[in-house]
PDB file of all heavy atoms in Angstrom:
ATOM      1  N   ALA A   1     -12.983   6.634   3.070  1.00  0.00           N
ATOM      2  CA  ALA A   1     -14.033   6.771   2.083  1.00  0.00           C
ATOM      3  C   ALA A   1     -14.079   8.118   1.439  1.00  0.00           C
ATOM      4  O   ALA A   1     -14.480   8.292   0.281  1.00  0.00           O
ATOM      5  CB  ALA A   1     -15.409   6.494   2.780  1.00  0.00           C
ATOM      6  N   ASP A   2     -13.609   9.208   2.157  1.00  0.00           N
ATOM      7  CA  ASP A   2     -13.735  10.547   1.579  1.00  0.00           C
ATOM      8  C   ASP A   2     -12.427  11.167   1.210  1.00  0.00           C
ATOM      9  O   ASP A   2     -12.377  12.364   0.951  1.00  0.00           O
ATOM     10  CB  ASP A   2     -14.482  11.474   2.599  1.00  0.00           C
ATOM     11  CG  ASP A   2     -13.685  11.551   3.969  1.00  0.00           C
ATOM     12  OD1 ASP A   2     -12.857  10.696   4.193  1.00  0.00           O
ATOM     13  OD2 ASP A   2     -13.974  12.466   4.699  1.00  0.00           O
ATOM     14  N   VAL A   3     -11.330  10.415   1.179  1.00  0.00           N
ATOM     15  CA  VAL A   3     -10.062  10.987   0.787  1.00  0.00           C
ATOM     16  C   VAL A   3      -9.894  10.956  -0.711  1.00  0.00           C
ATOM     17  O   VAL A   3     -10.559  10.114  -1.412  1.00  0.00           O
ATOM     18  CB  VAL A   3      -8.867  10.275   1.451  1.00  0.00           C
ATOM     19  CG1 VAL A   3      -8.992  10.350   2.982  1.00  0.00           C
ATOM     20  CG2 VAL A   3      -8.755   8.834   1.000  1.00  0.00           C
ATOM     21  N   ASP A   4      -9.071  11.844  -1.203  1.00  0.00           N
ATOM     22  CA  ASP A   4      -8.830  11.885  -2.663  1.00  0.00           C
ATOM     23  C   ASP A   4      -7.700  10.902  -3.097  1.00  0.00           C
ATOM     24  O   ASP A   4      -7.673  10.424  -4.199  1.00  0.00           O
ATOM     25  CB  ASP A   4      -8.414  13.306  -3.114  1.00  0.00           C
ATOM     26  CG  ASP A   4      -9.510  14.301  -2.841  1.00  0.00           C
ATOM     27  OD1 ASP A   4     -10.679  13.998  -3.139  1.00  0.00           O
ATOM     28  OD2 ASP A   4      -9.196  15.394  -2.315  1.00  0.00           O
ATOM     29  N   SER A   5      -6.728  10.721  -2.197  1.00  0.00           N
ATOM     30  CA  SER A   5      -5.570   9.965  -2.565  1.00  0.00           C
ATOM     31  C   SER A   5      -5.024   9.229  -1.344  1.00  0.00           C
ATOM     32  O   SER A   5      -5.148   9.709  -0.209  1.00  0.00           O
ATOM     33  CB  SER A   5      -4.497  10.927  -3.124  1.00  0.00           C
ATOM     34  OG  SER A   5      -3.503  10.218  -3.810  1.00  0.00           O
ATOM     35  N   VAL A   6      -4.366   8.061  -1.578  1.00  0.00           N
ATOM     36  CA  VAL A   6      -3.850   7.241  -0.503  1.00  0.00           C
ATOM     37  C   VAL A   6      -2.370   6.905  -0.822  1.00  0.00           C
ATOM     38  O   VAL A   6      -2.086   6.417  -1.888  1.00  0.00           O
ATOM     39  CB  VAL A   6      -4.661   5.945  -0.297  1.00  0.00           C
ATOM     40  CG1 VAL A   6      -4.015   5.064   0.757  1.00  0.00           C
ATOM     41  CG2 VAL A   6      -6.099   6.268   0.034  1.00  0.00           C
ATOM     42  N   ALA A   7      -1.500   7.159   0.138  1.00  0.00           N
ATOM     43  CA  ALA A   7      -0.108   6.756   0.048  1.00  0.00           C
ATOM     44  C   ALA A   7       0.082   5.500   0.910  1.00  0.00           C
ATOM     45  O   ALA A   7      -0.385   5.463   2.026  1.00  0.00           O
ATOM     46  CB  ALA A   7       0.801   7.880   0.509  1.00  0.00           C
ATOM     47  N   VAL A   8       0.797   4.514   0.336  1.00  0.00           N
ATOM     48  CA  VAL A   8       1.075   3.296   1.091  1.00  0.00           C
ATOM     49  C   VAL A   8       2.580   3.151   1.173  1.00  0.00           C
ATOM     50  O   VAL A   8       3.280   3.054   0.163  1.00  0.00           O
ATOM     51  CB  VAL A   8       0.466   2.068   0.429  1.00  0.00           C
ATOM     52  CG1 VAL A   8       0.725   0.813   1.232  1.00  0.00           C
ATOM     53  CG2 VAL A   8      -1.026   2.266   0.180  1.00  0.00           C
ATOM     54  N   SER A   9       3.136   3.171   2.396  1.00  0.00           N
ATOM     55  CA  SER A   9       4.577   3.042   2.603  1.00  0.00           C
ATOM     56  C   SER A   9       4.805   2.102   3.761  1.00  0.00           C
ATOM     57  O   SER A   9       4.680   2.467   4.934  1.00  0.00           O
ATOM     58  CB  SER A   9       5.162   4.440   2.925  1.00  0.00           C
ATOM     59  OG  SER A   9       6.583   4.359   3.065  1.00  0.00           O
ATOM     60  N   LEU A  10       5.207   0.880   3.468  1.00  0.00           N
ATOM     61  CA  LEU A  10       5.447  -0.155   4.463  1.00  0.00           C
ATOM     62  C   LEU A  10       6.948  -0.415   4.587  1.00  0.00           C
ATOM     63  O   LEU A  10       7.703  -0.269   3.608  1.00  0.00           O
ATOM     64  CB  LEU A  10       4.710  -1.455   4.122  1.00  0.00           C
ATOM     65  CG  LEU A  10       3.168  -1.315   3.907  1.00  0.00           C
ATOM     66  CD1 LEU A  10       2.565  -2.665   3.627  1.00  0.00           C
ATOM     67  CD2 LEU A  10       2.483  -0.694   5.128  1.00  0.00           C
ATOM     68  N   LEU A  11       7.344  -0.838   5.760  1.00  0.00           N
ATOM     69  CA  LEU A  11       8.749  -1.062   6.026  1.00  0.00           C
ATOM     70  C   LEU A  11       9.383  -2.095   5.112  1.00  0.00           C
ATOM     71  O   LEU A  11       8.803  -3.162   4.931  1.00  0.00           O
ATOM     72  CB  LEU A  11       8.937  -1.452   7.526  1.00  0.00           C
ATOM     73  CG  LEU A  11      10.315  -1.328   8.104  1.00  0.00           C
ATOM     74  CD1 LEU A  11      10.742   0.116   8.136  1.00  0.00           C
ATOM     75  CD2 LEU A  11      10.282  -1.923   9.555  1.00  0.00           C
ATOM     76  N   TYR A  12      10.503  -1.763   4.530  1.00  0.00           N
ATOM     77  CA  TYR A  12      11.288  -2.700   3.661  1.00  0.00           C
ATOM     78  C   TYR A  12      10.512  -3.131   2.447  1.00  0.00           C
ATOM     79  O   TYR A  12      10.842  -4.199   1.874  1.00  0.00           O
ATOM     80  CB  TYR A  12      11.791  -3.888   4.443  1.00  0.00           C
ATOM     81  CG  TYR A  12      12.774  -3.500   5.559  1.00  0.00           C
ATOM     82  CD1 TYR A  12      12.478  -3.774   6.901  1.00  0.00           C
ATOM     83  CD2 TYR A  12      13.992  -2.877   5.223  1.00  0.00           C
ATOM     84  CE1 TYR A  12      13.410  -3.379   7.882  1.00  0.00           C
ATOM     85  CE2 TYR A  12      14.893  -2.509   6.205  1.00  0.00           C
ATOM     86  CZ  TYR A  12      14.577  -2.781   7.538  1.00  0.00           C
ATOM     87  OH  TYR A  12      15.497  -2.410   8.509  1.00  0.00           O
ATOM     88  N   SER A  13       9.535  -2.399   2.000  1.00  0.00           N
ATOM     89  CA  SER A  13       8.798  -2.802   0.797  1.00  0.00           C
ATOM     90  C   SER A  13       9.672  -2.742  -0.482  1.00  0.00           C
ATOM     91  O   SER A  13       9.315  -3.294  -1.471  1.00  0.00           O
ATOM     92  CB  SER A  13       7.581  -1.914   0.614  1.00  0.00           C
ATOM     93  OG  SER A  13       7.932  -0.518   0.435  1.00  0.00           O
ATOM     94  N   PHE A  14      10.822  -2.040  -0.382  1.00  0.00           N
ATOM     95  CA  PHE A  14      11.658  -2.006  -1.552  1.00  0.00           C
ATOM     96  C   PHE A  14      12.361  -3.401  -1.819  1.00  0.00           C
ATOM     97  O   PHE A  14      12.816  -3.645  -2.917  1.00  0.00           O
ATOM     98  CB  PHE A  14      12.760  -0.942  -1.441  1.00  0.00           C
ATOM     99  CG  PHE A  14      13.526  -0.944  -0.127  1.00  0.00           C
ATOM    100  CD1 PHE A  14      14.604  -1.801   0.047  1.00  0.00           C
ATOM    101  CD2 PHE A  14      13.193  -0.083   0.885  1.00  0.00           C
ATOM    102  CE1 PHE A  14      15.294  -1.828   1.235  1.00  0.00           C
ATOM    103  CE2 PHE A  14      13.865  -0.081   2.101  1.00  0.00           C
ATOM    104  CZ  PHE A  14      14.944  -0.935   2.263  1.00  0.00           C
ATOM    105  N   GLU A  15      12.360  -4.253  -0.771  1.00  0.00           N
ATOM    106  CA  GLU A  15      12.872  -5.582  -0.947  1.00  0.00           C
ATOM    107  C   GLU A  15      11.782  -6.582  -1.354  1.00  0.00           C
ATOM    108  O   GLU A  15      12.048  -7.613  -1.963  1.00  0.00           O
ATOM    109  CB  GLU A  15      13.557  -6.078   0.352  1.00  0.00           C
ATOM    110  CG  GLU A  15      14.918  -5.433   0.610  1.00  0.00           C
ATOM    111  CD  GLU A  15      16.058  -6.118  -0.150  1.00  0.00           C
ATOM    112  OE1 GLU A  15      15.726  -7.026  -0.995  1.00  0.00           O
ATOM    113  OE2 GLU A  15      17.207  -5.741   0.080  1.00  0.00           O
ATOM    114  N   ASN A  16      10.545  -6.248  -1.009  1.00  0.00           N
ATOM    115  CA  ASN A  16       9.404  -7.130  -1.265  1.00  0.00           C
ATOM    116  C   ASN A  16       8.138  -6.284  -1.260  1.00  0.00           C
ATOM    117  O   ASN A  16       7.730  -5.800  -0.185  1.00  0.00           O
ATOM    118  CB  ASN A  16       9.329  -8.211  -0.224  1.00  0.00           C
ATOM    119  CG  ASN A  16       8.205  -9.204  -0.399  1.00  0.00           C
ATOM    120  OD1 ASN A  16       7.318  -9.029  -1.293  1.00  0.00           O
ATOM    121  ND2 ASN A  16       8.147 -10.280   0.371  1.00  0.00           N
ATOM    122  N   ASP A  17       7.525  -6.094  -2.398  1.00  0.00           N
ATOM    123  CA  ASP A  17       6.350  -5.236  -2.493  1.00  0.00           C
ATOM    124  C   ASP A  17       5.028  -5.913  -2.302  1.00  0.00           C
ATOM    125  O   ASP A  17       3.950  -5.320  -2.499  1.00  0.00           O
ATOM    126  CB  ASP A  17       6.362  -4.475  -3.799  1.00  0.00           C
ATOM    127  CG  ASP A  17       6.156  -5.389  -5.022  1.00  0.00           C
ATOM    128  OD1 ASP A  17       6.145  -6.618  -4.849  1.00  0.00           O
ATOM    129  OD2 ASP A  17       6.003  -4.875  -6.142  1.00  0.00           O
ATOM    130  N   ALA A  18       5.049  -7.203  -1.921  1.00  0.00           N
ATOM    131  CA  ALA A  18       3.788  -7.984  -1.875  1.00  0.00           C
ATOM    132  C   ALA A  18       2.781  -7.383  -0.893  1.00  0.00           C
ATOM    133  O   ALA A  18       1.580  -7.285  -1.209  1.00  0.00           O
ATOM    134  CB  ALA A  18       4.091  -9.411  -1.460  1.00  0.00           C
ATOM    135  N   HIS A  19       3.220  -6.917   0.258  1.00  0.00           N
ATOM    136  CA  HIS A  19       2.245  -6.385   1.248  1.00  0.00           C
ATOM    137  C   HIS A  19       1.632  -5.066   0.724  1.00  0.00           C
ATOM    138  O   HIS A  19       0.440  -4.822   0.941  1.00  0.00           O
ATOM    139  CB  HIS A  19       2.974  -6.158   2.595  1.00  0.00           C
ATOM    140  CG  HIS A  19       3.140  -7.426   3.343  1.00  0.00           C
ATOM    141  ND1 HIS A  19       3.698  -7.474   4.628  1.00  0.00           N
ATOM    142  CD2 HIS A  19       2.893  -8.731   3.058  1.00  0.00           C
ATOM    143  CE1 HIS A  19       3.753  -8.751   5.064  1.00  0.00           C
ATOM    144  NE2 HIS A  19       3.271  -9.511   4.110  1.00  0.00           N
ATOM    145  N   GLU A  20       2.439  -4.189   0.121  1.00  0.00           N
ATOM    146  CA  GLU A  20       1.901  -2.942  -0.354  1.00  0.00           C
ATOM    147  C   GLU A  20       0.877  -3.224  -1.463  1.00  0.00           C
ATOM    148  O   GLU A  20      -0.189  -2.579  -1.498  1.00  0.00           O
ATOM    149  CB  GLU A  20       3.064  -2.060  -0.897  1.00  0.00           C
ATOM    150  CG  GLU A  20       3.827  -1.401   0.200  1.00  0.00           C
ATOM    151  CD  GLU A  20       4.690  -0.238  -0.291  1.00  0.00           C
ATOM    152  OE1 GLU A  20       4.816  -0.011  -1.528  1.00  0.00           O
ATOM    153  OE2 GLU A  20       5.249   0.518   0.589  1.00  0.00           O
ATOM    154  N   ARG A  21       1.172  -4.089  -2.380  1.00  0.00           N
ATOM    155  CA  ARG A  21       0.238  -4.413  -3.412  1.00  0.00           C
ATOM    156  C   ARG A  21      -1.076  -4.969  -2.838  1.00  0.00           C
ATOM    157  O   ARG A  21      -2.173  -4.669  -3.321  1.00  0.00           O
ATOM    158  CB  ARG A  21       0.822  -5.354  -4.436  1.00  0.00           C
ATOM    159  CG  ARG A  21       1.926  -4.724  -5.351  1.00  0.00           C
ATOM    160  CD  ARG A  21       2.388  -5.633  -6.442  1.00  0.00           C
ATOM    161  NE  ARG A  21       3.222  -6.739  -5.962  1.00  0.00           N
ATOM    162  CZ  ARG A  21       2.838  -7.983  -5.853  1.00  0.00           C
ATOM    163  NH1 ARG A  21       1.603  -8.296  -6.221  1.00  0.00           N
ATOM    164  NH2 ARG A  21       3.638  -8.919  -5.399  1.00  0.00           N
ATOM    165  N   ARG A  22      -0.937  -5.795  -1.811  1.00  0.00           N
ATOM    166  CA  ARG A  22      -2.096  -6.414  -1.233  1.00  0.00           C
ATOM    167  C   ARG A  22      -2.967  -5.343  -0.511  1.00  0.00           C
ATOM    168  O   ARG A  22      -4.192  -5.444  -0.544  1.00  0.00           O
ATOM    169  CB  ARG A  22      -1.696  -7.508  -0.260  1.00  0.00           C
ATOM    170  CG  ARG A  22      -2.834  -8.285   0.355  1.00  0.00           C
ATOM    171  CD  ARG A  22      -3.708  -8.949  -0.702  1.00  0.00           C
ATOM    172  NE  ARG A  22      -4.792  -9.701  -0.099  1.00  0.00           N
ATOM    173  CZ  ARG A  22      -5.901 -10.058  -0.735  1.00  0.00           C
ATOM    174  NH1 ARG A  22      -6.081  -9.662  -1.999  1.00  0.00           N
ATOM    175  NH2 ARG A  22      -6.844 -10.766  -0.125  1.00  0.00           N
ATOM    176  N   VAL A  23      -2.340  -4.386   0.131  1.00  0.00           N
ATOM    177  CA  VAL A  23      -3.095  -3.303   0.801  1.00  0.00           C
ATOM    178  C   VAL A  23      -3.961  -2.573  -0.220  1.00  0.00           C
ATOM    179  O   VAL A  23      -5.160  -2.332   0.029  1.00  0.00           O
ATOM    180  CB  VAL A  23      -2.138  -2.346   1.515  1.00  0.00           C
ATOM    181  CG1 VAL A  23      -2.867  -1.067   1.930  1.00  0.00           C
ATOM    182  CG2 VAL A  23      -1.486  -2.970   2.725  1.00  0.00           C
ATOM    183  N   LYS A  24      -3.378  -2.248  -1.357  1.00  0.00           N
ATOM    184  CA  LYS A  24      -4.118  -1.564  -2.400  1.00  0.00           C
ATOM    185  C   LYS A  24      -5.303  -2.442  -2.911  1.00  0.00           C
ATOM    186  O   LYS A  24      -6.442  -1.932  -3.055  1.00  0.00           O
ATOM    187  CB  LYS A  24      -3.181  -1.261  -3.571  1.00  0.00           C
ATOM    188  CG  LYS A  24      -3.827  -0.548  -4.781  1.00  0.00           C
ATOM    189  CD  LYS A  24      -2.742  -0.220  -5.765  1.00  0.00           C
ATOM    190  CE  LYS A  24      -3.409   0.524  -7.015  1.00  0.00           C
ATOM    191  NZ  LYS A  24      -4.193  -0.345  -7.837  1.00  0.00           N
ATOM    192  N   GLU A  25      -5.014  -3.748  -3.145  1.00  0.00           N
ATOM    193  CA  GLU A  25      -6.090  -4.622  -3.587  1.00  0.00           C
ATOM    194  C   GLU A  25      -7.248  -4.666  -2.586  1.00  0.00           C
ATOM    195  O   GLU A  25      -8.434  -4.614  -2.985  1.00  0.00           O
ATOM    196  CB  GLU A  25      -5.515  -6.037  -3.818  1.00  0.00           C
ATOM    197  CG  GLU A  25      -4.577  -6.122  -4.983  1.00  0.00           C
ATOM    198  CD  GLU A  25      -3.863  -7.484  -5.012  1.00  0.00           C
ATOM    199  OE1 GLU A  25      -4.142  -8.349  -4.118  1.00  0.00           O
ATOM    200  OE2 GLU A  25      -2.992  -7.700  -5.906  1.00  0.00           O
ATOM    201  N   LEU A  26      -6.924  -4.829  -1.314  1.00  0.00           N
ATOM    202  CA  LEU A  26      -7.939  -4.938  -0.302  1.00  0.00           C
ATOM    203  C   LEU A  26      -8.797  -3.667  -0.155  1.00  0.00           C
ATOM    204  O   LEU A  26     -10.020  -3.734  -0.044  1.00  0.00           O
ATOM    205  CB  LEU A  26      -7.318  -5.258   1.064  1.00  0.00           C
ATOM    206  CG  LEU A  26      -6.732  -6.661   1.173  1.00  0.00           C
ATOM    207  CD1 LEU A  26      -5.886  -6.795   2.459  1.00  0.00           C
ATOM    208  CD2 LEU A  26      -7.817  -7.776   1.174  1.00  0.00           C
ATOM    209  N   LEU A  27      -8.159  -2.524  -0.227  1.00  0.00           N
ATOM    210  CA  LEU A  27      -8.865  -1.253  -0.036  1.00  0.00           C
ATOM    211  C   LEU A  27      -9.746  -0.994  -1.273  1.00  0.00           C
ATOM    212  O   LEU A  27     -10.908  -0.546  -1.174  1.00  0.00           O
ATOM    213  CB  LEU A  27      -7.909  -0.115   0.163  1.00  0.00           C
ATOM    214  CG  LEU A  27      -7.135  -0.119   1.512  1.00  0.00           C
ATOM    215  CD1 LEU A  27      -6.173   1.037   1.525  1.00  0.00           C
ATOM    216  CD2 LEU A  27      -8.167   0.012   2.658  1.00  0.00           C
TER     217      LEU A  27
END
């Protein structure tokens, strides 16, 4: 809640970015 920026780096996301995009949407 109090951070300025969030980095999302999930394993093998360069082959499939669906999980990273979903993390951003949920947050």
